[in-house]
Amino acid sequence: MKKIKKGDEIVVLTGKDKGKRGNVSRVMPDAERVLVDNINIVKKHQKGNPQMGTPGGIIEKEMPIHVSNVALVNPVTGKADRIGFKVLDDGRKVRCFKSNGEVVDA
């Protein structure tokens, strides 16, 4: 089970976008990276392809960010928080916040 999933609200801990918040749109488990909406936007010089009808030029796109550089936002405190795991009485394994033990996905 991964600590960060698609749809989670996160805050960036390091880098040029430090302090910004966003929602995870895609998780890349093999590379341990996440794609976050409107975070880590870079300019890419793209060559045009007349056969496919794509124009050339400079485009802006979102690039993945490593999971160690993001943290889940605790809705109770409104701040970044670490994630742990807990096994409930019915045997389910769930994510919980380390600070207050609140279950993330109920």
PDB file of N, CA and C in Angstrom:
ATOM      1  N   MET A   1       0.847  -1.180   0.000  1.00  0.00           N
ATOM      2  CA  MET A   1       0.000   0.000   0.000  1.00  0.00           C
ATOM      3  C   MET A   1       0.890   1.240   0.000  1.00  0.00           C
ATOM      4  N   LYS A   2       0.577   2.181  -0.855  1.00  0.00           N
ATOM      5  CA  LYS A   2       1.366   3.399  -0.979  1.00  0.00           C
ATOM      6  C   LYS A   2       0.829   4.486  -0.047  1.00  0.00           C
ATOM      7  N   LYS A   3       1.701   5.405   0.332  1.00  0.00           N
ATOM      8  CA  LYS A   3       1.313   6.466   1.247  1.00  0.00           C
ATOM      9  C   LYS A   3       0.571   7.591   0.555  1.00  0.00           C
ATOM     10  N   ILE A   4       0.822   7.802  -0.746  1.00  0.00           N
ATOM     11  CA  ILE A   4       0.147   8.855  -1.494  1.00  0.00           C
ATOM     12  C   ILE A   4      -0.598   8.214  -2.653  1.00  0.00           C
ATOM     13  N   LYS A   5      -1.868   8.594  -2.815  1.00  0.00           N
ATOM     14  CA  LYS A   5      -2.722   8.029  -3.856  1.00  0.00           C
ATOM     15  C   LYS A   5      -3.283   9.141  -4.722  1.00  0.00           C
ATOM     16  N   LYS A   6      -3.874   8.736  -5.853  1.00  0.00           N
ATOM     17  CA  LYS A   6      -4.501   9.667  -6.769  1.00  0.00           C
ATOM     18  C   LYS A   6      -5.668  10.357  -6.071  1.00  0.00           C
ATOM     19  N   GLY A   7      -5.762  11.682  -6.240  1.00  0.00           N
ATOM     20  CA  GLY A   7      -6.837  12.448  -5.632  1.00  0.00           C
ATOM     21  C   GLY A   7      -6.497  13.057  -4.288  1.00  0.00           C
ATOM     22  N   ASP A   8      -5.357  12.691  -3.690  1.00  0.00           N
ATOM     23  CA  ASP A   8      -4.962  13.243  -2.396  1.00  0.00           C
ATOM     24  C   ASP A   8      -4.545  14.706  -2.549  1.00  0.00           C
ATOM     25  N   GLU A   9      -4.832  15.501  -1.509  1.00  0.00           N
ATOM     26  CA  GLU A   9      -4.353  16.884  -1.486  1.00  0.00           C
ATOM     27  C   GLU A   9      -2.998  16.884  -0.800  1.00  0.00           C
ATOM     28  N   ILE A  10      -1.993  17.435  -1.492  1.00  0.00           N
ATOM     29  CA  ILE A  10      -0.630  17.431  -0.965  1.00  0.00           C
ATOM     30  C   ILE A  10      -0.081  18.852  -0.915  1.00  0.00           C
ATOM     31  N   VAL A  11       1.027  18.996  -0.184  1.00  0.00           N
ATOM     32  CA  VAL A  11       1.783  20.242  -0.158  1.00  0.00           C
ATOM     33  C   VAL A  11       3.226  19.897  -0.492  1.00  0.00           C
ATOM     34  N   VAL A  12       3.877  20.770  -1.286  1.00  0.00           N
ATOM     35  CA  VAL A  12       5.255  20.537  -1.709  1.00  0.00           C
ATOM     36  C   VAL A  12       6.189  20.993  -0.599  1.00  0.00           C
ATOM     37  N   LEU A  13       7.151  20.138  -0.222  1.00  0.00           N
ATOM     38  CA  LEU A  13       8.058  20.428   0.881  1.00  0.00           C
ATOM     39  C   LEU A  13       9.347  21.106   0.428  1.00  0.00           C
ATOM     40  N   THR A  14       9.853  20.765  -0.764  1.00  0.00           N
ATOM     41  CA  THR A  14      11.119  21.316  -1.223  1.00  0.00           C
ATOM     42  C   THR A  14      11.025  21.679  -2.698  1.00  0.00           C
ATOM     43  N   GLY A  15      11.974  22.499  -3.138  1.00  0.00           N
ATOM     44  CA  GLY A  15      12.054  22.848  -4.553  1.00  0.00           C
ATOM     45  C   GLY A  15      11.478  24.215  -4.846  1.00  0.00           C
ATOM     46  N   LYS A  16      11.343  24.507  -6.127  1.00  0.00           N
ATOM     47  CA  LYS A  16      10.902  25.837  -6.552  1.00  0.00           C
ATOM     48  C   LYS A  16       9.440  26.108  -6.220  1.00  0.00           C
ATOM     49  N   ASP A  17       8.653  25.058  -6.029  1.00  0.00           N
ATOM     50  CA  ASP A  17       7.231  25.198  -5.710  1.00  0.00           C
ATOM     51  C   ASP A  17       6.941  24.935  -4.237  1.00  0.00           C
ATOM     52  N   LYS A  18       7.917  25.144  -3.371  1.00  0.00           N
ATOM     53  CA  LYS A  18       7.769  24.868  -1.944  1.00  0.00           C
ATOM     54  C   LYS A  18       6.588  25.636  -1.362  1.00  0.00           C
ATOM     55  N   GLY A  19       5.738  24.921  -0.614  1.00  0.00           N
ATOM     56  CA  GLY A  19       4.595  25.547   0.037  1.00  0.00           C
ATOM     57  C   GLY A  19       3.317  25.506  -0.780  1.00  0.00           C
ATOM     58  N   LYS A  20       3.403  25.191  -2.063  1.00  0.00           N
ATOM     59  CA  LYS A  20       2.210  25.151  -2.904  1.00  0.00           C
ATOM     60  C   LYS A  20       1.425  23.875  -2.641  1.00  0.00           C
ATOM     61  N   ARG A  21       0.099  23.977  -2.831  1.00  0.00           N
ATOM     62  CA  ARG A  21      -0.784  22.834  -2.628  1.00  0.00           C
ATOM     63  C   ARG A  21      -1.419  22.432  -3.947  1.00  0.00           C
ATOM     64  N   GLY A  22      -1.746  21.173  -4.051  1.00  0.00           N
ATOM     65  CA  GLY A  22      -2.402  20.676  -5.254  1.00  0.00           C
ATOM     66  C   GLY A  22      -2.917  19.265  -5.035  1.00  0.00           C
ATOM     67  N   ASN A  23      -3.646  18.782  -6.029  1.00  0.00           N
ATOM     68  CA  ASN A  23      -4.190  17.430  -5.975  1.00  0.00           C
ATOM     69  C   ASN A  23      -3.398  16.519  -6.886  1.00  0.00           C
ATOM     70  N   VAL A  24      -3.168  15.298  -6.452  1.00  0.00           N
ATOM     71  CA  VAL A  24      -2.416  14.318  -7.228  1.00  0.00           C
ATOM     72  C   VAL A  24      -3.300  13.845  -8.374  1.00  0.00           C
ATOM     73  N   SER A  25      -2.795  13.977  -9.609  1.00  0.00           N
ATOM     74  CA  SER A  25      -3.561  13.534 -10.767  1.00  0.00           C
ATOM     75  C   SER A  25      -3.094  12.174 -11.266  1.00  0.00           C
ATOM     76  N   ARG A  26      -1.857  11.793 -10.943  1.00  0.00           N
ATOM     77  CA  ARG A  26      -1.338  10.510 -11.406  1.00  0.00           C
ATOM     78  C   ARG A  26      -0.193  10.072 -10.497  1.00  0.00           C
ATOM     79  N   VAL A  27      -0.115   8.767 -10.227  1.00  0.00           N
ATOM     80  CA  VAL A  27       0.965   8.200  -9.427  1.00  0.00           C
ATOM     81  C   VAL A  27       1.755   7.252 -10.316  1.00  0.00           C
ATOM     82  N   MET A  28       3.076   7.414 -10.320  1.00  0.00           N
ATOM     83  CA  MET A  28       3.953   6.529 -11.082  1.00  0.00           C
ATOM     84  C   MET A  28       4.698   5.641 -10.091  1.00  0.00           C
ATOM     85  N   PRO A  29       4.178   4.447  -9.809  1.00  0.00           N
ATOM     86  CA  PRO A  29       4.755   3.619  -8.749  1.00  0.00           C
ATOM     87  C   PRO A  29       6.146   3.095  -9.054  1.00  0.00           C
ATOM     88  N   ASP A  30       6.455   2.852 -10.333  1.00  0.00           N
ATOM     89  CA  ASP A  30       7.772   2.316 -10.662  1.00  0.00           C
ATOM     90  C   ASP A  30       8.863   3.361 -10.482  1.00  0.00           C
ATOM     91  N   ALA A  31       8.546   4.646 -10.667  1.00  0.00           N
ATOM     92  CA  ALA A  31       9.539   5.704 -10.534  1.00  0.00           C
ATOM     93  C   ALA A  31       9.432   6.435  -9.195  1.00  0.00           C
ATOM     94  N   GLU A  32       8.444   6.073  -8.367  1.00  0.00           N
ATOM     95  CA  GLU A  32       8.192   6.737  -7.084  1.00  0.00           C
ATOM     96  C   GLU A  32       7.991   8.241  -7.261  1.00  0.00           C
ATOM     97  N   ARG A  33       7.200   8.601  -8.247  1.00  0.00           N
ATOM     98  CA  ARG A  33       6.914   9.997  -8.529  1.00  0.00           C
ATOM     99  C   ARG A  33       5.413  10.214  -8.653  1.00  0.00           C
ATOM    100  N   VAL A  34       4.989  11.471  -8.437  1.00  0.00           N
ATOM    101  CA  VAL A  34       3.587  11.830  -8.573  1.00  0.00           C
ATOM    102  C   VAL A  34       3.470  13.058  -9.479  1.00  0.00           C
ATOM    103  N   LEU A  35       2.360  13.112 -10.201  1.00  0.00           N
ATOM    104  CA  LEU A  35       2.060  14.250 -11.058  1.00  0.00           C
ATOM    105  C   LEU A  35       0.984  15.047 -10.354  1.00  0.00           C
ATOM    106  N   VAL A  36       1.262  16.321 -10.060  1.00  0.00           N
ATOM    107  CA  VAL A  36       0.354  17.159  -9.290  1.00  0.00           C
ATOM    108  C   VAL A  36      -0.149  18.287 -10.184  1.00  0.00           C
ATOM    109  N   ASP A  37      -1.443  18.607 -10.066  1.00  0.00           N
ATOM    110  CA  ASP A  37      -2.035  19.665 -10.870  1.00  0.00           C
ATOM    111  C   ASP A  37      -1.386  21.010 -10.576  1.00  0.00           C
ATOM    112  N   ASN A  38      -0.912  21.697 -11.626  1.00  0.00           N
ATOM    113  CA  ASN A  38      -0.329  23.047 -11.572  1.00  0.00           C
ATOM    114  C   ASN A  38       0.906  23.153 -10.671  1.00  0.00           C
ATOM    115  N   ILE A  39       1.650  22.060 -10.517  1.00  0.00           N
ATOM    116  CA  ILE A  39       2.893  22.069  -9.741  1.00  0.00           C
ATOM    117  C   ILE A  39       4.007  21.551 -10.644  1.00  0.00           C
ATOM    118  N   ASN A  40       5.200  22.128 -10.499  1.00  0.00           N
ATOM    119  CA  ASN A  40       6.388  21.728 -11.258  1.00  0.00           C
ATOM    120  C   ASN A  40       6.162  21.877 -12.764  1.00  0.00           C
ATOM    121  N   ILE A  41       5.706  23.058 -13.159  1.00  0.00           N
ATOM    122  CA  ILE A  41       5.464  23.348 -14.576  1.00  0.00           C
ATOM    123  C   ILE A  41       6.772  23.808 -15.212  1.00  0.00           C
ATOM    124  N   VAL A  42       7.122  23.180 -16.342  1.00  0.00           N
ATOM    125  CA  VAL A  42       8.354  23.514 -17.059  1.00  0.00           C
ATOM    126  C   VAL A  42       8.018  23.873 -18.499  1.00  0.00           C
ATOM    127  N   LYS A  43       8.940  24.583 -19.141  1.00  0.00           N
ATOM    128  CA  LYS A  43       8.785  24.923 -20.553  1.00  0.00           C
ATOM    129  C   LYS A  43       9.553  23.913 -21.379  1.00  0.00           C
ATOM    130  N   LYS A  44       8.898  23.371 -22.396  1.00  0.00           N
ATOM    131  CA  LYS A  44       9.499  22.350 -23.251  1.00  0.00           C
ATOM    132  C   LYS A  44       9.498  22.863 -24.680  1.00  0.00           C
ATOM    133  N   HIS A  45      10.654  22.774 -25.323  1.00  0.00           N
ATOM    134  CA  HIS A  45      10.773  23.156 -26.728  1.00  0.00           C
ATOM    135  C   HIS A  45      10.374  21.944 -27.556  1.00  0.00           C
ATOM    136  N   GLN A  46       9.260  22.074 -28.261  1.00  0.00           N
ATOM    137  CA  GLN A  46       8.732  20.940 -29.003  1.00  0.00           C
ATOM    138  C   GLN A  46       8.813  21.213 -30.498  1.00  0.00           C
ATOM    139  N   LYS A  47       9.339  20.231 -31.211  1.00  0.00           N
ATOM    140  CA  LYS A  47       9.445  20.331 -32.657  1.00  0.00           C
ATOM    141  C   LYS A  47       8.105  19.968 -33.277  1.00  0.00           C
ATOM    142  N   GLY A  48       7.697  20.699 -34.289  1.00  0.00           N
ATOM    143  CA  GLY A  48       6.430  20.438 -34.947  1.00  0.00           C
ATOM    144  C   GLY A  48       6.484  19.195 -35.812  1.00  0.00           C
ATOM    145  N   ASN A  49       5.328  18.577 -36.013  1.00  0.00           N
ATOM    146  CA  ASN A  49       5.208  17.399 -36.862  1.00  0.00           C
ATOM    147  C   ASN A  49       4.036  17.622 -37.812  1.00  0.00           C
ATOM    148  N   PRO A  50       4.316  17.996 -39.071  1.00  0.00           N
ATOM    149  CA  PRO A  50       3.219  18.294 -39.992  1.00  0.00           C
ATOM    150  C   PRO A  50       2.366  17.073 -40.335  1.00  0.00           C
ATOM    151  N   GLN A  51       2.926  15.874 -40.261  1.00  0.00           N
ATOM    152  CA  GLN A  51       2.144  14.676 -40.573  1.00  0.00           C
ATOM    153  C   GLN A  51       1.068  14.417 -39.527  1.00  0.00           C
ATOM    154  N   MET A  52       1.381  14.696 -38.275  1.00  0.00           N
ATOM    155  CA  MET A  52       0.401  14.499 -37.208  1.00  0.00           C
ATOM    156  C   MET A  52      -0.395  15.766 -36.933  1.00  0.00           C
ATOM    157  N   GLY A  53       0.020  16.876 -37.511  1.00  0.00           N
ATOM    158  CA  GLY A  53      -0.695  18.139 -37.328  1.00  0.00           C
ATOM    159  C   GLY A  53      -0.384  18.841 -36.027  1.00  0.00           C
ATOM    160  N   THR A  54       0.755  18.520 -35.382  1.00  0.00           N
ATOM    161  CA  THR A  54       1.124  19.184 -34.133  1.00  0.00           C
ATOM    162  C   THR A  54       2.047  20.353 -34.437  1.00  0.00           C
ATOM    163  N   PRO A  55       1.727  21.516 -33.897  1.00  0.00           N
ATOM    164  CA  PRO A  55       2.589  22.676 -34.141  1.00  0.00           C
ATOM    165  C   PRO A  55       3.829  22.642 -33.251  1.00  0.00           C
ATOM    166  N   GLY A  56       4.868  23.320 -33.687  1.00  0.00           N
ATOM    167  CA  GLY A  56       6.077  23.426 -32.890  1.00  0.00           C
ATOM    168  C   GLY A  56       6.029  24.663 -32.025  1.00  0.00           C
ATOM    169  N   GLY A  57       6.977  24.789 -31.128  1.00  0.00           N
ATOM    170  CA  GLY A  57       7.040  25.957 -30.271  1.00  0.00           C
ATOM    171  C   GLY A  57       7.376  25.581 -28.846  1.00  0.00           C
ATOM    172  N   ILE A  58       7.199  26.541 -27.970  1.00  0.00           N
ATOM    173  CA  ILE A  58       7.484  26.338 -26.547  1.00  0.00           C
ATOM    174  C   ILE A  58       6.161  26.088 -25.844  1.00  0.00           C
ATOM    175  N   ILE A  59       6.048  24.919 -25.210  1.00  0.00           N
ATOM    176  CA  ILE A  59       4.833  24.579 -24.480  1.00  0.00           C
ATOM    177  C   ILE A  59       5.158  24.433 -23.000  1.00  0.00           C
ATOM    178  N   GLU A  60       4.149  24.646 -22.165  1.00  0.00           N
ATOM    179  CA  GLU A  60       4.312  24.444 -20.727  1.00  0.00           C
ATOM    180  C   GLU A  60       3.605  23.161 -20.336  1.00  0.00           C
ATOM    181  N   LYS A  61       4.291  22.323 -19.561  1.00  0.00           N
ATOM    182  CA  LYS A  61       3.691  21.061 -19.133  1.00  0.00           C
ATOM    183  C   LYS A  61       4.103  20.751 -17.705  1.00  0.00           C
ATOM    184  N   GLU A  62       3.289  19.902 -17.061  1.00  0.00           N
ATOM    185  CA  GLU A  62       3.583  19.480 -15.696  1.00  0.00           C
ATOM    186  C   GLU A  62       4.531  18.296 -15.736  1.00  0.00           C
ATOM    187  N   MET A  63       5.519  18.316 -14.868  1.00  0.00           N
ATOM    188  CA  MET A  63       6.463  17.216 -14.760  1.00  0.00           C
ATOM    189  C   MET A  63       6.273  16.547 -13.404  1.00  0.00           C
ATOM    190  N   PRO A  64       6.600  15.254 -13.307  1.00  0.00           N
ATOM    191  CA  PRO A  64       6.431  14.552 -12.035  1.00  0.00           C
ATOM    192  C   PRO A  64       7.405  15.059 -10.964  1.00  0.00           C
ATOM    193  N   ILE A  65       7.009  14.895  -9.723  1.00  0.00           N
ATOM    194  CA  ILE A  65       7.830  15.283  -8.579  1.00  0.00           C
ATOM    195  C   ILE A  65       7.962  14.055  -7.681  1.00  0.00           C
ATOM    196  N   HIS A  66       9.114  13.892  -7.054  1.00  0.00           N
ATOM    197  CA  HIS A  66       9.373  12.701  -6.234  1.00  0.00           C
ATOM    198  C   HIS A  66       8.499  12.725  -4.984  1.00  0.00           C
ATOM    199  N   VAL A  67       8.063  11.536  -4.562  1.00  0.00           N
ATOM    200  CA  VAL A  67       7.150  11.439  -3.418  1.00  0.00           C
ATOM    201  C   VAL A  67       7.790  11.907  -2.117  1.00  0.00           C
ATOM    202  N   SER A  68       9.112  11.889  -2.030  1.00  0.00           N
ATOM    203  CA  SER A  68       9.769  12.351  -0.805  1.00  0.00           C
ATOM    204  C   SER A  68       9.704  13.868  -0.672  1.00  0.00           C
ATOM    205  N   ASN A  69       9.355  14.556  -1.744  1.00  0.00           N
ATOM    206  CA  ASN A  69       9.289  16.019  -1.714  1.00  0.00           C
ATOM    207  C   ASN A  69       7.880  16.546  -1.504  1.00  0.00           C
ATOM    208  N   VAL A  70       6.931  15.658  -1.249  1.00  0.00           N
ATOM    209  CA  VAL A  70       5.555  16.077  -0.993  1.00  0.00           C
ATOM    210  C   VAL A  70       5.049  15.415   0.279  1.00  0.00           C
ATOM    211  N   ALA A  71       4.033  16.029   0.894  1.00  0.00           N
ATOM    212  CA  ALA A  71       3.409  15.455   2.091  1.00  0.00           C
ATOM    213  C   ALA A  71       1.910  15.684   2.008  1.00  0.00           C
ATOM    214  N   LEU A  72       1.149  14.782   2.589  1.00  0.00           N
ATOM    215  CA  LEU A  72      -0.299  14.873   2.595  1.00  0.00           C
ATOM    216  C   LEU A  72      -0.735  15.992   3.533  1.00  0.00           C
ATOM    217  N   VAL A  73      -1.818  16.695   3.171  1.00  0.00           N
ATOM    218  CA  VAL A  73      -2.350  17.772   4.000  1.00  0.00           C
ATOM    219  C   VAL A  73      -3.362  17.176   4.964  1.00  0.00           C
ATOM    220  N   ASN A  74      -3.164  17.468   6.247  1.00  0.00           N
ATOM    221  CA  ASN A  74      -4.100  17.028   7.283  1.00  0.00           C
ATOM    222  C   ASN A  74      -5.260  18.017   7.317  1.00  0.00           C
ATOM    223  N   PRO A  75      -6.506  17.581   7.036  1.00  0.00           N
ATOM    224  CA  PRO A  75      -7.626  18.527   7.001  1.00  0.00           C
ATOM    225  C   PRO A  75      -7.960  19.126   8.364  1.00  0.00           C
ATOM    226  N   VAL A  76      -7.591  18.463   9.440  1.00  0.00           N
ATOM    227  CA  VAL A  76      -7.878  18.984  10.784  1.00  0.00           C
ATOM    228  C   VAL A  76      -6.984  20.179  11.100  1.00  0.00           C
ATOM    229  N   THR A  77      -5.681  20.038  10.838  1.00  0.00           N
ATOM    230  CA  THR A  77      -4.739  21.110  11.149  1.00  0.00           C
ATOM    231  C   THR A  77      -4.494  22.034   9.957  1.00  0.00           C
ATOM    232  N   GLY A  78      -4.692  21.531   8.749  1.00  0.00           N
ATOM    233  CA  GLY A  78      -4.433  22.337   7.547  1.00  0.00           C
ATOM    234  C   GLY A  78      -2.968  22.388   7.183  1.00  0.00           C
ATOM    235  N   LYS A  79      -2.160  21.539   7.806  1.00  0.00           N
ATOM    236  CA  LYS A  79      -0.723  21.535   7.555  1.00  0.00           C
ATOM    237  C   LYS A  79      -0.290  20.191   6.985  1.00  0.00           C
ATOM    238  N   ALA A  80       0.963  20.130   6.519  1.00  0.00           N
ATOM    239  CA  ALA A  80       1.526  18.877   6.012  1.00  0.00           C
ATOM    240  C   ALA A  80       1.732  17.914   7.170  1.00  0.00           C
ATOM    241  N   ASP A  81       1.515  16.639   6.885  1.00  0.00           N
ATOM    242  CA  ASP A  81       1.634  15.632   7.938  1.00  0.00           C
ATOM    243  C   ASP A  81       2.179  14.343   7.343  1.00  0.00           C
ATOM    244  N   ARG A  82       2.873  13.578   8.205  1.00  0.00           N
ATOM    245  CA  ARG A  82       3.399  12.287   7.778  1.00  0.00           C
ATOM    246  C   ARG A  82       2.305  11.230   7.832  1.00  0.00           C
ATOM    247  N   ILE A  83       2.515  10.152   7.078  1.00  0.00           N
ATOM    248  CA  ILE A  83       1.515   9.103   6.960  1.00  0.00           C
ATOM    249  C   ILE A  83       2.060   7.801   7.541  1.00  0.00           C
ATOM    250  N   GLY A  84       1.215   7.098   8.265  1.00  0.00           N
ATOM    251  CA  GLY A  84       1.547   5.772   8.766  1.00  0.00           C
ATOM    252  C   GLY A  84       0.418   4.825   8.424  1.00  0.00           C
ATOM    253  N   PHE A  85       0.526   3.596   8.858  1.00  0.00           N
ATOM    254  CA  PHE A  85      -0.492   2.595   8.581  1.00  0.00           C
ATOM    255  C   PHE A  85      -1.007   2.010   9.886  1.00  0.00           C
ATOM    256  N   LYS A  86      -2.294   1.634   9.854  1.00  0.00           N
ATOM    257  CA  LYS A  86      -2.937   1.078  11.026  1.00  0.00           C
ATOM    258  C   LYS A  86      -3.865  -0.039  10.558  1.00  0.00           C
ATOM    259  N   VAL A  87      -3.926  -1.114  11.325  1.00  0.00           N
ATOM    260  CA  VAL A  87      -4.853  -2.204  11.022  1.00  0.00           C
ATOM    261  C   VAL A  87      -6.064  -2.045  11.932  1.00  0.00           C
ATOM    262  N   LEU A  88      -7.245  -1.937  11.324  1.00  0.00           N
ATOM    263  CA  LEU A  88      -8.482  -1.753  12.081  1.00  0.00           C
ATOM    264  C   LEU A  88      -8.946  -3.084  12.675  1.00  0.00           C
ATOM    265  N   ASP A  89      -9.999  -3.019  13.502  1.00  0.00           N
ATOM    266  CA  ASP A  89     -10.527  -4.215  14.154  1.00  0.00           C
ATOM    267  C   ASP A  89     -11.064  -5.231  13.152  1.00  0.00           C
ATOM    268  N   ASP A  90     -11.595  -4.734  12.021  1.00  0.00           N
ATOM    269  CA  ASP A  90     -12.150  -5.650  11.020  1.00  0.00           C
ATOM    270  C   ASP A  90     -11.083  -6.220  10.092  1.00  0.00           C
ATOM    271  N   GLY A  91      -9.809  -5.896  10.324  1.00  0.00           N
ATOM    272  CA  GLY A  91      -8.709  -6.470   9.553  1.00  0.00           C
ATOM    273  C   GLY A  91      -8.246  -5.633   8.380  1.00  0.00           C
ATOM    274  N   ARG A  92      -8.893  -4.482   8.134  1.00  0.00           N
ATOM    275  CA  ARG A  92      -8.471  -3.628   7.020  1.00  0.00           C
ATOM    276  C   ARG A  92      -7.237  -2.816   7.401  1.00  0.00           C
ATOM    277  N   LYS A  93      -6.341  -2.640   6.441  1.00  0.00           N
ATOM    278  CA  LYS A  93      -5.156  -1.816   6.630  1.00  0.00           C
ATOM    279  C   LYS A  93      -5.447  -0.449   6.018  1.00  0.00           C
ATOM    280  N   VAL A  94      -5.346   0.615   6.819  1.00  0.00           N
ATOM    281  CA  VAL A  94      -5.683   1.960   6.362  1.00  0.00           C
ATOM    282  C   VAL A  94      -4.529   2.911   6.649  1.00  0.00           C
ATOM    283  N   ARG A  95      -4.530   4.031   5.918  1.00  0.00           N
ATOM    284  CA  ARG A  95      -3.549   5.089   6.148  1.00  0.00           C
ATOM    285  C   ARG A  95      -4.049   5.979   7.277  1.00  0.00           C
ATOM    286  N   CYS A  96      -3.114   6.472   8.107  1.00  0.00           N
ATOM    287  CA  CYS A  96      -3.490   7.389   9.183  1.00  0.00           C
ATOM    288  C   CYS A  96      -2.398   8.443   9.332  1.00  0.00           C
ATOM    289  N   PHE A  97      -2.781   9.587   9.892  1.00  0.00           N
ATOM    290  CA  PHE A  97      -1.824  10.661  10.132  1.00  0.00           C
ATOM    291  C   PHE A  97      -1.031  10.358  11.391  1.00  0.00           C
ATOM    292  N   LYS A  98       0.269  10.643  11.344  1.00  0.00           N
ATOM    293  CA  LYS A  98       1.146  10.356  12.486  1.00  0.00           C
ATOM    294  C   LYS A  98       0.873  11.279  13.659  1.00  0.00           C
ATOM    295  N   SER A  99       0.459  12.532  13.412  1.00  0.00           N
ATOM    296  CA  SER A  99       0.329  13.502  14.494  1.00  0.00           C
ATOM    297  C   SER A  99      -0.859  13.203  15.403  1.00  0.00           C
ATOM    298  N   ASN A 100      -2.024  12.912  14.811  1.00  0.00           N
ATOM    299  CA  ASN A 100      -3.200  12.714  15.643  1.00  0.00           C
ATOM    300  C   ASN A 100      -3.840  11.333  15.485  1.00  0.00           C
ATOM    301  N   GLY A 101      -3.307  10.475  14.621  1.00  0.00           N
ATOM    302  CA  GLY A 101      -3.838   9.130  14.450  1.00  0.00           C
ATOM    303  C   GLY A 101      -5.138   9.060  13.681  1.00  0.00           C
ATOM    304  N   GLU A 102      -5.559  10.172  13.105  1.00  0.00           N
ATOM    305  CA  GLU A 102      -6.801  10.239  12.317  1.00  0.00           C
ATOM    306  C   GLU A 102      -6.651   9.391  11.050  1.00  0.00           C
ATOM    307  N   VAL A 103      -7.682   8.632  10.720  1.00  0.00           N
ATOM    308  CA  VAL A 103      -7.656   7.772   9.537  1.00  0.00           C
ATOM    309  C   VAL A 103      -7.881   8.619   8.299  1.00  0.00           C
ATOM    310  N   VAL A 104      -7.037   8.429   7.261  1.00  0.00           N
ATOM    311  CA  VAL A 104      -7.139   9.209   6.027  1.00  0.00           C
ATOM    312  C   VAL A 104      -8.296   8.734   5.179  1.00  0.00           C
ATOM    313  N   ASP A 105      -8.324   7.437   4.846  1.00  0.00           N
ATOM    314  CA  ASP A 105      -9.384   6.901   3.991  1.00  0.00           C
ATOM    315  C   ASP A 105     -10.269   5.971   4.797  1.00  0.00           C
ATOM    316  N   ALA A 106     -11.418   6.472   5.168  1.00  0.00           N
ATOM    317  CA  ALA A 106     -12.340   5.684   6.009  1.00  0.00           C
ATOM    318  C   ALA A 106     -13.265   4.847   5.157  1.00  0.00           C
TER     319      ALA A 106
END
